[in-house]
C-alpha cells in the first residue's frame, strides 16, 4: 500500500495538496501525520523515511519508490492511477490546467510568506501588502479565465475537481483565514472547494489536532 507522510493538517499547505492528490487517485494509502518542528523533528527528518526529501513534506512511498514535492506526487499518482483522473481531457484545457498548477507551485511568494495557512483561524479583514494584492489579483484572474473558458456546468476550475483544484485548495483556505475580499464568482468556487467531502474531512482532522505552532497563530501586521 502507498504511504503518505504529512505535516500538521492545520498548517501544512503542501501536505494538503499531496493528500488531495492521493484521494483523487482512488488508490488506497496509509496516512502518517507528523508534527512539524516538534522536539523530535530534527531526528525524524534525518531518518530513512524522510530521505531524500531532507525533511520536506509530503512524502509518498510506494514500496521502494519515494516521491516528494506535491506536484511530483500529483504526476506520479496520475500515471499510477491510469492518467484520467487528474487533468482535463481536452488538450487546450489540460495545457492551461498544467500551466496554472505550475504557476501555483513556483509563484505567489508574497501571499505564502505573509499569510501562511492556518485552517483553524479566521482573522478580521486587514490591509494587504501591495505584493500580496498583486498575487491575489493574479490568482483571481487565473480562476476567472479557467472558469470562463473551461468550467462549463461544473463547480470547479475545469468542471470536475482535479489536480489544479488540489493545488489551489490551500489558497482557498488562506482567503478564508485572512478574510480576503473576493468577487462572487470566486466566492462560489471557494465554497465548492470547501464543501468537497475531502476538504471537509481534512478540515475536521485539522480542528482535532492538538499541536500548535505559535509563529503561525498570529496574522501579519502591516
Protein backbone atom coordinates (compact mmCIF):
# COMPACT_ATOMS: atom_id res chain seq x y z
CA UNK A 1 0.00 0.00 0.00
CA UNK A 2 1.09 3.58 -0.63
CA UNK A 3 2.25 5.51 2.42
CA UNK A 4 1.88 9.29 2.55
CA UNK A 5 3.77 11.25 5.22
CA UNK A 6 2.15 14.58 6.04
CA UNK A 7 2.75 17.56 8.31
CA UNK A 8 0.19 19.22 10.58
CA UNK A 9 -3.14 19.46 8.81
CA UNK A 10 -3.82 22.88 10.31
CA UNK A 11 -0.71 24.45 8.78
CA UNK A 12 0.87 22.34 6.04
CA UNK A 13 -0.40 23.60 2.69
CA UNK A 14 1.84 21.31 0.65
CA UNK A 15 0.65 18.31 2.67
CA UNK A 16 -2.93 19.22 1.81
CA UNK A 17 -2.06 19.24 -1.88
CA UNK A 18 -0.37 15.85 -1.68
CA UNK A 19 -3.22 14.36 0.34
CA UNK A 20 -5.86 15.61 -2.11
CA UNK A 21 -3.80 14.06 -4.92
CA UNK A 22 -3.79 10.74 -3.09
CA UNK A 23 -7.56 10.91 -2.63
CA UNK A 24 -8.04 11.90 -6.27
CA UNK A 25 -6.05 8.87 -7.41
CA UNK A 26 -8.59 6.49 -5.87
CA UNK A 27 -5.74 4.29 -4.68
CA UNK A 28 -5.61 3.02 -1.09
CA UNK A 29 -2.94 4.69 1.02
CA UNK A 30 -1.71 4.80 4.58
CA UNK A 31 -1.66 8.29 6.07
CA UNK A 32 1.05 9.24 8.58
CA UNK A 33 0.78 12.71 10.14
CA UNK A 34 3.87 14.04 11.94
CA UNK A 35 4.02 17.30 13.93
CA UNK A 36 6.25 19.87 12.27
CA UNK A 37 9.11 21.38 14.27
CA UNK A 38 8.44 19.46 17.49
CA UNK A 39 11.19 18.09 19.75
CA UNK A 40 11.58 15.03 17.50
CA UNK A 41 11.63 16.93 14.22
CA UNK A 42 15.39 17.00 13.62
CA UNK A 43 15.75 13.31 14.47
CA UNK A 44 12.78 12.37 12.32
CA UNK A 45 13.88 14.31 9.24
CA UNK A 46 17.30 12.63 9.39
CA UNK A 47 15.72 9.17 9.26
CA UNK A 48 15.22 6.89 6.29
CA UNK A 49 11.50 7.64 5.89
CA UNK A 50 12.25 11.29 5.11
CA UNK A 51 15.19 10.63 2.80
CA UNK A 52 15.81 12.02 0.22
CA UNK A 53 13.42 14.93 0.84
CA UNK A 54 15.56 16.42 3.64
CA UNK A 55 12.54 16.73 5.85
CA UNK A 56 10.09 18.33 3.44
CA UNK A 57 6.54 17.01 3.49
CA UNK A 58 4.55 15.48 1.93
CA UNK A 59 6.49 12.33 1.06
CA UNK A 60 4.93 9.44 -0.82
CA UNK A 61 6.35 5.94 -0.53
CA UNK A 62 5.29 3.22 -2.96
CA UNK A 63 7.33 0.20 -1.94
CA UNK A 64 10.93 1.22 -2.63
CA UNK A 65 9.83 4.21 -4.72
CA UNK A 66 9.86 7.59 -2.96
CA UNK A 67 8.29 10.76 -4.33
CA UNK A 68 8.45 14.13 -2.61
CA UNK A 69 7.12 17.55 -3.62
CA UNK A 70 3.40 17.86 -4.14
CA UNK A 71 3.45 18.45 -7.88
CA UNK A 72 5.70 15.41 -8.40
CA UNK A 73 3.25 13.38 -6.30
CA UNK A 74 0.40 14.61 -8.49
CA UNK A 75 2.16 13.43 -11.64
CA UNK A 76 3.27 10.11 -10.15
CA UNK A 77 -0.24 9.29 -8.95
CA UNK A 78 -1.71 10.46 -12.26
CA UNK A 79 0.40 7.86 -14.05
CA UNK A 80 -0.20 5.15 -11.47
CA UNK A 81 -3.98 5.60 -11.49
CA UNK A 82 -4.35 5.44 -15.27
CA UNK A 83 -3.89 9.06 -16.33
CA UNK A 84 -7.55 10.03 -16.50
CA UNK A 85 -8.35 11.43 -13.04
CA UNK A 86 -6.14 14.49 -12.60
CA UNK A 87 -6.19 16.64 -15.74
CA UNK A 88 -8.86 17.69 -18.27
CA UNK A 89 -9.19 15.50 -21.36
CA UNK A 90 -9.35 18.48 -23.75
CA UNK A 91 -5.81 19.37 -24.83
CA UNK A 92 -6.28 23.14 -24.50
CA UNK A 93 -7.88 22.79 -21.08
CA UNK A 94 -5.17 20.38 -19.97
CA UNK A 95 -2.43 22.78 -21.10
CA UNK A 96 -3.98 25.63 -19.14
CA UNK A 97 -4.57 23.49 -16.06
CA UNK A 98 -0.97 22.30 -16.02
CA UNK A 99 0.30 25.86 -16.52
CA UNK A 100 -1.83 27.10 -13.62
CA UNK A 101 -0.67 24.28 -11.37
CA UNK A 102 2.96 25.03 -12.23
CA UNK A 103 2.49 28.75 -11.55
CA UNK A 104 0.93 27.92 -8.19
CA UNK A 105 3.84 25.61 -7.45
CA UNK A 106 6.51 28.22 -8.10
CA UNK A 107 4.83 31.57 -7.59
CA UNK A 108 2.82 33.75 -5.22
CA UNK A 109 5.65 34.07 -2.74
CA UNK A 110 4.29 37.19 -1.02
CA UNK A 111 0.96 35.51 -0.25
CA UNK A 112 2.73 32.43 1.09
CA UNK A 113 5.25 34.37 3.14
CA UNK A 114 2.85 36.83 4.74
CA UNK A 115 -0.27 34.68 5.03
CA UNK A 116 0.65 31.14 5.98
CA UNK A 117 -2.07 28.51 6.06
CA UNK A 118 -3.97 28.12 9.31
CA UNK A 119 -7.25 26.32 8.79
CA UNK A 120 -8.31 26.77 12.42
CA UNK A 121 -8.33 30.58 12.35
CA UNK A 122 -10.40 33.33 10.74
CA UNK A 123 -8.88 36.78 11.22
CA UNK A 124 -10.72 40.07 10.67
CA UNK A 125 -10.07 41.89 7.39
CA UNK A 126 -6.82 43.83 7.28
CA UNK A 127 -4.91 45.86 4.71
CA UNK A 128 -2.93 43.66 2.34
CA UNK A 129 0.64 44.37 1.31
CA UNK A 130 0.97 45.56 -2.29
CA UNK A 131 2.85 42.39 -3.29
CA UNK A 132 0.09 40.27 -1.75
CA UNK A 133 -2.54 42.29 -3.61
CA UNK A 134 -0.64 41.54 -6.83
CA UNK A 135 -0.67 37.81 -6.02
CA UNK A 136 -4.37 37.81 -5.14
CA UNK A 137 -5.24 39.71 -8.33
CA UNK A 138 -3.30 37.23 -10.45
CA UNK A 139 -4.95 34.24 -8.76
CA UNK A 140 -8.42 35.68 -9.32
CA UNK A 141 -7.56 36.35 -12.97
CA UNK A 142 -6.49 32.73 -13.43
CA UNK A 143 -9.61 31.43 -11.74
CA UNK A 144 -11.83 33.67 -13.87
CA UNK A 145 -10.17 32.59 -17.12
CA UNK A 146 -10.36 28.89 -16.27
CA UNK A 147 -14.00 29.09 -15.22
CA UNK A 148 -14.99 31.15 -18.28
CA UNK A 149 -13.16 29.00 -20.81
CA UNK A 150 -13.42 25.50 -19.40
CA UNK A 151 -15.59 25.44 -16.26
CA UNK A 152 -18.76 24.53 -18.13
CA UNK A 153 -21.55 23.44 -15.83
CA UNK A 154 -19.18 22.10 -13.18
CA UNK A 155 -18.31 23.83 -9.92
CA UNK A 156 -14.54 23.67 -10.22
CA UNK A 157 -11.93 25.43 -12.34
CA UNK A 158 -12.16 22.95 -15.23
CA UNK A 159 -15.56 21.49 -14.41
CA UNK A 160 -14.75 18.46 -12.27
CA UNK A 161 -12.44 18.51 -9.26
CA UNK A 162 -8.90 17.86 -10.47
CA UNK A 163 -5.22 18.40 -9.82
CA UNK A 164 -5.34 22.15 -10.36
CA UNK A 165 -8.07 22.47 -7.72
CA UNK A 166 -5.91 20.48 -5.32
CA UNK A 167 -3.04 22.88 -5.98
CA UNK A 168 -5.19 25.94 -5.25
CA UNK A 169 -7.10 24.45 -2.29
CA UNK A 170 -4.69 25.94 0.31
CA UNK A 171 -5.15 29.35 -1.33
CA UNK A 172 -8.88 28.99 -0.80
CA UNK A 173 -8.31 28.35 2.90
CA UNK A 174 -5.92 31.31 3.13
CA UNK A 175 -8.51 33.64 1.60
CA UNK A 176 -10.95 32.49 4.28
CA UNK A 177 -8.46 32.67 7.15
CA UNK A 178 -7.37 36.22 6.30
CA UNK A 179 -10.84 37.44 5.18
CA UNK A 180 -9.57 38.38 1.73
CA UNK A 181 -12.38 40.03 -0.27
CA UNK A 182 -13.23 38.20 -3.49
CA UNK A 183 -15.83 38.69 -6.25
CA UNK A 184 -18.97 36.49 -6.34
CA UNK A 185 -17.64 34.02 -8.92
CA UNK A 186 -14.57 33.35 -6.75
CA UNK A 187 -16.70 33.01 -3.61
CA UNK A 188 -18.81 30.39 -5.38
CA UNK A 189 -15.70 28.47 -6.44
CA UNK A 190 -14.24 28.69 -2.94
CA UNK A 191 -17.47 27.37 -1.46
CA UNK A 192 -17.39 24.42 -3.86
CA UNK A 193 -13.82 23.58 -2.79
CA UNK A 194 -14.54 23.94 0.92
CA UNK A 195 -17.72 21.88 0.62
CA UNK A 196 -15.99 18.99 -1.14
CA UNK A 197 -16.10 15.90 1.05
CA UNK A 198 -12.32 15.50 1.03
CA UNK A 199 -11.81 19.08 2.17
CA UNK A 200 -14.42 18.61 4.85
CA UNK A 201 -12.53 15.56 6.12
CA UNK A 202 -9.21 17.44 6.13
CA UNK A 203 -10.67 20.47 7.92
CA UNK A 204 -12.30 18.26 10.56
CA UNK A 205 -8.98 16.49 11.19
CA UNK A 206 -7.18 19.84 11.44
CA UNK A 207 -9.65 21.05 14.03
CA UNK A 208 -8.97 17.95 16.14
CA UNK A 209 -5.18 18.34 16.16
CA UNK A 210 -3.64 19.26 19.50
CA UNK A 211 -0.38 20.62 18.06
CA UNK A 212 0.09 24.38 17.98
CA UNK A 213 2.90 26.29 16.24
CA UNK A 214 2.84 29.75 17.77
CA UNK A 215 4.51 31.56 14.88
CA UNK A 216 1.64 30.52 12.63
CA UNK A 217 -1.02 31.70 15.08
CA UNK A 218 -0.65 35.46 14.58
CA UNK A 219 -1.64 37.35 11.44
CA UNK A 220 0.95 39.52 9.73
CA UNK A 221 0.69 43.11 10.98
CA UNK A 222 1.47 45.75 8.33
